[in-house]
Amino acid sequence: MKEIIDLNTIPEIERDIYLEDSWCNNCNEADLGIVNPELYTLGGRKYLGGNCKVCGAVCTSEIIEQDVE
């Protein structure tokens, strides 16, 4: 079941990275940015969906979090 995560509950720097680190299949380019974002979990994985800032196409990216030591 899809569970929505309030973007305002995560640190601003992390939120900014999520919104800018994107891929648009329509533009075939990375890091164009996402508008109308929706952060959610599904099947134990975290995703960010929204629309490409450039062309408006629907974009969905899996968020992969890595521990940095």
PDB file of N, CA and C in Angstrom:
ATOM      1  N   MET A   1       0.832  -1.178   0.000  1.00  0.00           N
ATOM      2  CA  MET A   1       0.000   0.000   0.000  1.00  0.00           C
ATOM      3  C   MET A   1       0.886   1.254   0.000  1.00  0.00           C
ATOM      4  N   LYS A   2       0.541   2.202  -0.817  1.00  0.00           N
ATOM      5  CA  LYS A   2       1.294   3.449  -0.950  1.00  0.00           C
ATOM      6  C   LYS A   2       1.056   4.333   0.272  1.00  0.00           C
ATOM      7  N   GLU A   3       2.160   4.759   0.911  1.00  0.00           N
ATOM      8  CA  GLU A   3       2.076   5.639   2.075  1.00  0.00           C
ATOM      9  C   GLU A   3       2.790   6.945   1.756  1.00  0.00           C
ATOM     10  N   ILE A   4       2.056   8.048   1.801  1.00  0.00           N
ATOM     11  CA  ILE A   4       2.590   9.369   1.497  1.00  0.00           C
ATOM     12  C   ILE A   4       3.433   9.864   2.670  1.00  0.00           C
ATOM     13  N   ILE A   5       4.580  10.477   2.360  1.00  0.00           N
ATOM     14  CA  ILE A   5       5.462  11.083   3.357  1.00  0.00           C
ATOM     15  C   ILE A   5       5.414  12.592   3.142  1.00  0.00           C
ATOM     16  N   ASP A   6       5.173  13.339   4.185  1.00  0.00           N
ATOM     17  CA  ASP A   6       5.148  14.801   4.104  1.00  0.00           C
ATOM     18  C   ASP A   6       6.572  15.299   3.871  1.00  0.00           C
ATOM     19  N   LEU A   7       6.796  15.943   2.729  1.00  0.00           N
ATOM     20  CA  LEU A   7       8.130  16.456   2.406  1.00  0.00           C
ATOM     21  C   LEU A   7       8.640  17.454   3.439  1.00  0.00           C
ATOM     22  N   ASN A   8       7.743  18.110   4.145  1.00  0.00           N
ATOM     23  CA  ASN A   8       8.145  19.091   5.153  1.00  0.00           C
ATOM     24  C   ASN A   8       8.738  18.442   6.399  1.00  0.00           C
ATOM     25  N   THR A   9       8.639  17.117   6.510  1.00  0.00           N
ATOM     26  CA  THR A   9       9.175  16.429   7.690  1.00  0.00           C
ATOM     27  C   THR A   9      10.625  15.990   7.509  1.00  0.00           C
ATOM     28  N   ILE A  10      11.174  16.166   6.312  1.00  0.00           N
ATOM     29  CA  ILE A  10      12.571  15.794   6.099  1.00  0.00           C
ATOM     30  C   ILE A  10      13.423  17.060   6.030  1.00  0.00           C
ATOM     31  N   PRO A  11      14.706  16.960   6.360  1.00  0.00           N
ATOM     32  CA  PRO A  11      15.569  18.145   6.360  1.00  0.00           C
ATOM     33  C   PRO A  11      15.580  18.836   4.987  1.00  0.00           C
ATOM     34  N   GLU A  12      15.647  20.168   5.013  1.00  0.00           N
ATOM     35  CA  GLU A  12      15.587  20.964   3.786  1.00  0.00           C
ATOM     36  C   GLU A  12      16.655  20.568   2.776  1.00  0.00           C
ATOM     37  N   ILE A  13      17.868  20.332   3.235  1.00  0.00           N
ATOM     38  CA  ILE A  13      18.946  19.973   2.310  1.00  0.00           C
ATOM     39  C   ILE A  13      18.642  18.649   1.614  1.00  0.00           C
ATOM     40  N   GLU A  14      18.110  17.695   2.348  1.00  0.00           N
ATOM     41  CA  GLU A  14      17.740  16.399   1.783  1.00  0.00           C
ATOM     42  C   GLU A  14      16.590  16.571   0.789  1.00  0.00           C
ATOM     43  N   ARG A  15      15.614  17.364   1.151  1.00  0.00           N
ATOM     44  CA  ARG A  15      14.455  17.638   0.294  1.00  0.00           C
ATOM     45  C   ARG A  15      14.910  18.278  -1.020  1.00  0.00           C
ATOM     46  N   ASP A  16      15.820  19.248  -0.939  1.00  0.00           N
ATOM     47  CA  ASP A  16      16.324  19.913  -2.143  1.00  0.00           C
ATOM     48  C   ASP A  16      17.044  18.925  -3.066  1.00  0.00           C
ATOM     49  N   ILE A  17      17.803  18.026  -2.485  1.00  0.00           N
ATOM     50  CA  ILE A  17      18.502  17.009  -3.278  1.00  0.00           C
ATOM     51  C   ILE A  17      17.481  16.126  -3.993  1.00  0.00           C
ATOM     52  N   TYR A  18      16.463  15.675  -3.271  1.00  0.00           N
ATOM     53  CA  TYR A  18      15.421  14.832  -3.872  1.00  0.00           C
ATOM     54  C   TYR A  18      14.765  15.535  -5.056  1.00  0.00           C
ATOM     55  N   LEU A  19      14.475  16.826  -4.901  1.00  0.00           N
ATOM     56  CA  LEU A  19      13.742  17.558  -5.935  1.00  0.00           C
ATOM     57  C   LEU A  19      14.596  17.903  -7.150  1.00  0.00           C
ATOM     58  N   GLU A  20      15.896  17.963  -6.989  1.00  0.00           N
ATOM     59  CA  GLU A  20      16.767  18.310  -8.112  1.00  0.00           C
ATOM     60  C   GLU A  20      17.446  17.094  -8.754  1.00  0.00           C
ATOM     61  N   ASP A  21      17.660  16.037  -7.994  1.00  0.00           N
ATOM     62  CA  ASP A  21      18.333  14.833  -8.496  1.00  0.00           C
ATOM     63  C   ASP A  21      17.278  13.932  -9.128  1.00  0.00           C
ATOM     64  N   SER A  22      16.988  14.196 -10.394  1.00  0.00           N
ATOM     65  CA  SER A  22      15.884  13.505 -11.056  1.00  0.00           C
ATOM     66  C   SER A  22      16.298  13.060 -12.462  1.00  0.00           C
ATOM     67  N   TRP A  23      15.455  12.246 -13.056  1.00  0.00           N
ATOM     68  CA  TRP A  23      15.651  11.824 -14.442  1.00  0.00           C
ATOM     69  C   TRP A  23      14.319  11.947 -15.151  1.00  0.00           C
ATOM     70  N   CYS A  24      14.333  12.554 -16.335  1.00  0.00           N
ATOM     71  CA  CYS A  24      13.128  12.661 -17.144  1.00  0.00           C
ATOM     72  C   CYS A  24      13.299  11.790 -18.381  1.00  0.00           C
ATOM     73  N   ASN A  25      12.451  10.793 -18.523  1.00  0.00           N
ATOM     74  CA  ASN A  25      12.504   9.923 -19.697  1.00  0.00           C
ATOM     75  C   ASN A  25      12.119  10.667 -20.967  1.00  0.00           C
ATOM     76  N   ASN A  26      11.251  11.655 -20.848  1.00  0.00           N
ATOM     77  CA  ASN A  26      10.808  12.414 -22.012  1.00  0.00           C
ATOM     78  C   ASN A  26      11.932  13.318 -22.542  1.00  0.00           C
ATOM     79  N   CYS A  27      12.582  14.051 -21.645  1.00  0.00           N
ATOM     80  CA  CYS A  27      13.701  14.929 -22.033  1.00  0.00           C
ATOM     81  C   CYS A  27      14.990  14.124 -22.246  1.00  0.00           C
ATOM     82  N   ASN A  28      15.032  12.926 -21.640  1.00  0.00           N
ATOM     83  CA  ASN A  28      16.215  12.073 -21.666  1.00  0.00           C
ATOM     84  C   ASN A  28      17.415  12.790 -21.050  1.00  0.00           C
ATOM     85  N   GLU A  29      17.148  13.471 -19.919  1.00  0.00           N
ATOM     86  CA  GLU A  29      18.187  14.218 -19.210  1.00  0.00           C
ATOM     87  C   GLU A  29      18.026  14.065 -17.707  1.00  0.00           C
ATOM     88  N   ALA A  30      19.137  14.259 -17.013  1.00  0.00           N
ATOM     89  CA  ALA A  30      19.156  14.192 -15.554  1.00  0.00           C
ATOM     90  C   ALA A  30      19.138  15.585 -14.951  1.00  0.00           C
ATOM     91  N   ASP A  31      18.705  15.636 -13.699  1.00  0.00           N
ATOM     92  CA  ASP A  31      18.810  16.823 -12.844  1.00  0.00           C
ATOM     93  C   ASP A  31      18.079  18.057 -13.380  1.00  0.00           C
ATOM     94  N   LEU A  32      16.919  17.852 -13.997  1.00  0.00           N
ATOM     95  CA  LEU A  32      16.106  18.975 -14.477  1.00  0.00           C
ATOM     96  C   LEU A  32      15.197  19.506 -13.378  1.00  0.00           C
ATOM     97  N   GLY A  33      14.923  18.683 -12.394  1.00  0.00           N
ATOM     98  CA  GLY A  33      14.080  19.088 -11.272  1.00  0.00           C
ATOM     99  C   GLY A  33      12.656  18.583 -11.418  1.00  0.00           C
ATOM    100  N   ILE A  34      11.962  18.538 -10.283  1.00  0.00           N
ATOM    101  CA  ILE A  34      10.592  18.028 -10.217  1.00  0.00           C
ATOM    102  C   ILE A  34       9.691  19.067  -9.551  1.00  0.00           C
ATOM    103  N   VAL A  35       8.508  19.254 -10.132  1.00  0.00           N
ATOM    104  CA  VAL A  35       7.468  20.087  -9.520  1.00  0.00           C
ATOM    105  C   VAL A  35       6.289  19.184  -9.179  1.00  0.00           C
ATOM    106  N   ASN A  36       5.423  19.664  -8.314  1.00  0.00           N
ATOM    107  CA  ASN A  36       4.281  18.874  -7.829  1.00  0.00           C
ATOM    108  C   ASN A  36       4.749  17.549  -7.230  1.00  0.00           C
ATOM    109  N   PRO A  37       5.757  17.595  -6.345  1.00  0.00           N
ATOM    110  CA  PRO A  37       6.346  16.353  -5.838  1.00  0.00           C
ATOM    111  C   PRO A  37       5.436  15.606  -4.869  1.00  0.00           C
ATOM    112  N   GLU A  38       5.602  14.298  -4.873  1.00  0.00           N
ATOM    113  CA  GLU A  38       4.927  13.419  -3.926  1.00  0.00           C
ATOM    114  C   GLU A  38       5.943  12.371  -3.491  1.00  0.00           C
ATOM    115  N   LEU A  39       6.309  12.403  -2.232  1.00  0.00           N
ATOM    116  CA  LEU A  39       7.239  11.434  -1.664  1.00  0.00           C
ATOM    117  C   LEU A  39       6.410  10.342  -1.000  1.00  0.00           C
ATOM    118  N   TYR A  40       6.744   9.089  -1.304  1.00  0.00           N
ATOM    119  CA  TYR A  40       5.954   7.998  -0.738  1.00  0.00           C
ATOM    120  C   TYR A  40       6.769   6.718  -0.642  1.00  0.00           C
ATOM    121  N   THR A  41       6.266   5.785   0.158  1.00  0.00           N
ATOM    122  CA  THR A  41       6.853   4.453   0.241  1.00  0.00           C
ATOM    123  C   THR A  41       5.849   3.472  -0.358  1.00  0.00           C
ATOM    124  N   LEU A  42       6.400   2.445  -0.975  1.00  0.00           N
ATOM    125  CA  LEU A  42       5.586   1.401  -1.577  1.00  0.00           C
ATOM    126  C   LEU A  42       6.417   0.132  -1.603  1.00  0.00           C
ATOM    127  N   GLY A  43       5.916  -0.912  -1.002  1.00  0.00           N
ATOM    128  CA  GLY A  43       6.647  -2.177  -0.988  1.00  0.00           C
ATOM    129  C   GLY A  43       7.989  -2.096  -0.288  1.00  0.00           C
ATOM    130  N   GLY A  44       8.103  -1.242   0.721  1.00  0.00           N
ATOM    131  CA  GLY A  44       9.343  -1.115   1.470  1.00  0.00           C
ATOM    132  C   GLY A  44      10.385  -0.234   0.797  1.00  0.00           C
ATOM    133  N   ARG A  45      10.029   0.396  -0.305  1.00  0.00           N
ATOM    134  CA  ARG A  45      10.947   1.293  -1.013  1.00  0.00           C
ATOM    135  C   ARG A  45      10.386   2.708  -1.022  1.00  0.00           C
ATOM    136  N   LYS A  46      11.288   3.686  -1.146  1.00  0.00           N
ATOM    137  CA  LYS A  46      10.887   5.089  -1.125  1.00  0.00           C
ATOM    138  C   LYS A  46      10.986   5.661  -2.541  1.00  0.00           C
ATOM    139  N   TYR A  47       9.953   6.413  -2.938  1.00  0.00           N
ATOM    140  CA  TYR A  47       9.900   6.999  -4.277  1.00  0.00           C
ATOM    141  C   TYR A  47       9.540   8.474  -4.210  1.00  0.00           C
ATOM    142  N   LEU A  48       9.947   9.194  -5.237  1.00  0.00           N
ATOM    143  CA  LEU A  48       9.535  10.580  -5.421  1.00  0.00           C
ATOM    144  C   LEU A  48       8.935  10.677  -6.816  1.00  0.00           C
ATOM    145  N   GLY A  49       7.691  11.094  -6.858  1.00  0.00           N
ATOM    146  CA  GLY A  49       7.013  11.280  -8.133  1.00  0.00           C
ATOM    147  C   GLY A  49       6.664  12.741  -8.305  1.00  0.00           C
ATOM    148  N   GLY A  50       6.441  13.145  -9.535  1.00  0.00           N
ATOM    149  CA  GLY A  50       6.062  14.517  -9.819  1.00  0.00           C
ATOM    150  C   GLY A  50       6.151  14.764 -11.307  1.00  0.00           C
ATOM    151  N   ASN A  51       6.315  16.029 -11.669  1.00  0.00           N
ATOM    152  CA  ASN A  51       6.411  16.410 -13.073  1.00  0.00           C
ATOM    153  C   ASN A  51       7.736  17.091 -13.338  1.00  0.00           C
ATOM    154  N   CYS A  52       8.302  16.823 -14.508  1.00  0.00           N
ATOM    155  CA  CYS A  52       9.553  17.449 -14.935  1.00  0.00           C
ATOM    156  C   CYS A  52       9.353  18.963 -15.015  1.00  0.00           C
ATOM    157  N   LYS A  53      10.304  19.721 -14.459  1.00  0.00           N
ATOM    158  CA  LYS A  53      10.235  21.188 -14.511  1.00  0.00           C
ATOM    159  C   LYS A  53      10.298  21.720 -15.938  1.00  0.00           C
ATOM    160  N   VAL A  54      10.920  20.980 -16.847  1.00  0.00           N
ATOM    161  CA  VAL A  54      11.123  21.452 -18.212  1.00  0.00           C
ATOM    162  C   VAL A  54       9.931  21.131 -19.117  1.00  0.00           C
ATOM    163  N   CYS A  55       9.541  19.852 -19.185  1.00  0.00           N
ATOM    164  CA  CYS A  55       8.511  19.451 -20.144  1.00  0.00           C
ATOM    165  C   CYS A  55       7.170  19.099 -19.515  1.00  0.00           C
ATOM    166  N   GLY A  56       7.143  18.897 -18.188  1.00  0.00           N
ATOM    167  CA  GLY A  56       5.889  18.572 -17.507  1.00  0.00           C
ATOM    168  C   GLY A  56       5.536  17.101 -17.485  1.00  0.00           C
ATOM    169  N   ALA A  57       6.356  16.258 -18.098  1.00  0.00           N
ATOM    170  CA  ALA A  57       6.082  14.821 -18.102  1.00  0.00           C
ATOM    171  C   ALA A  57       6.151  14.258 -16.685  1.00  0.00           C
ATOM    172  N   VAL A  58       5.413  13.191 -16.461  1.00  0.00           N
ATOM    173  CA  VAL A  58       5.427  12.521 -15.169  1.00  0.00           C
ATOM    174  C   VAL A  58       6.765  11.819 -14.986  1.00  0.00           C
ATOM    175  N   CYS A  59       7.387  12.034 -13.833  1.00  0.00           N
ATOM    176  CA  CYS A  59       8.675  11.425 -13.488  1.00  0.00           C
ATOM    177  C   CYS A  59       8.532  10.727 -12.144  1.00  0.00           C
ATOM    178  N   THR A  60       9.113   9.554 -12.029  1.00  0.00           N
ATOM    179  CA  THR A  60       9.156   8.838 -10.763  1.00  0.00           C
ATOM    180  C   THR A  60      10.563   8.288 -10.577  1.00  0.00           C
ATOM    181  N   SER A  61      11.128   8.543  -9.411  1.00  0.00           N
ATOM    182  CA  SER A  61      12.471   8.054  -9.100  1.00  0.00           C
ATOM    183  C   SER A  61      12.449   7.318  -7.778  1.00  0.00           C
ATOM    184  N   GLU A  62      13.181   6.217  -7.712  1.00  0.00           N
ATOM    185  CA  GLU A  62      13.346   5.526  -6.442  1.00  0.00           C
ATOM    186  C   GLU A  62      14.445   6.234  -5.670  1.00  0.00           C
ATOM    187  N   ILE A  63      14.209   6.471  -4.394  1.00  0.00           N
ATOM    188  CA  ILE A  63      15.187   7.094  -3.517  1.00  0.00           C
ATOM    189  C   ILE A  63      15.999   5.970  -2.873  1.00  0.00           C
ATOM    190  N   ILE A  64      17.284   5.969  -3.148  1.00  0.00           N
ATOM    191  CA  ILE A  64      18.174   4.964  -2.568  1.00  0.00           C
ATOM    192  C   ILE A  64      19.071   5.679  -1.565  1.00  0.00           C
ATOM    193  N   GLU A  65      18.889   5.343  -0.310  1.00  0.00           N
ATOM    194  CA  GLU A  65      19.654   5.994   0.747  1.00  0.00           C
ATOM    195  C   GLU A  65      20.843   5.127   1.104  1.00  0.00           C
ATOM    196  N   GLN A  66      21.998   5.761   1.172  1.00  0.00           N
ATOM    197  CA  GLN A  66      23.228   5.053   1.507  1.00  0.00           C
ATOM    198  C   GLN A  66      23.818   5.671   2.751  1.00  0.00           C
ATOM    199  N   ASP A  67      24.362   4.815   3.595  1.00  0.00           N
ATOM    200  CA  ASP A  67      25.057   5.306   4.781  1.00  0.00           C
ATOM    201  C   ASP A  67      26.426   5.818   4.360  1.00  0.00           C
ATOM    202  N   VAL A  68      26.774   6.995   4.819  1.00  0.00           N
ATOM    203  CA  VAL A  68      28.072   7.586   4.513  1.00  0.00           C
ATOM    204  C   VAL A  68      28.884   7.591   5.807  1.00  0.00           C
ATOM    205  N   GLU A  69      30.047   6.965   5.748  1.00  0.00           N
ATOM    206  CA  GLU A  69      30.888   6.892   6.948  1.00  0.00           C
ATOM    207  C   GLU A  69      32.212   7.544   6.695  1.00  0.00           C
TER     208      GLU A  69
END
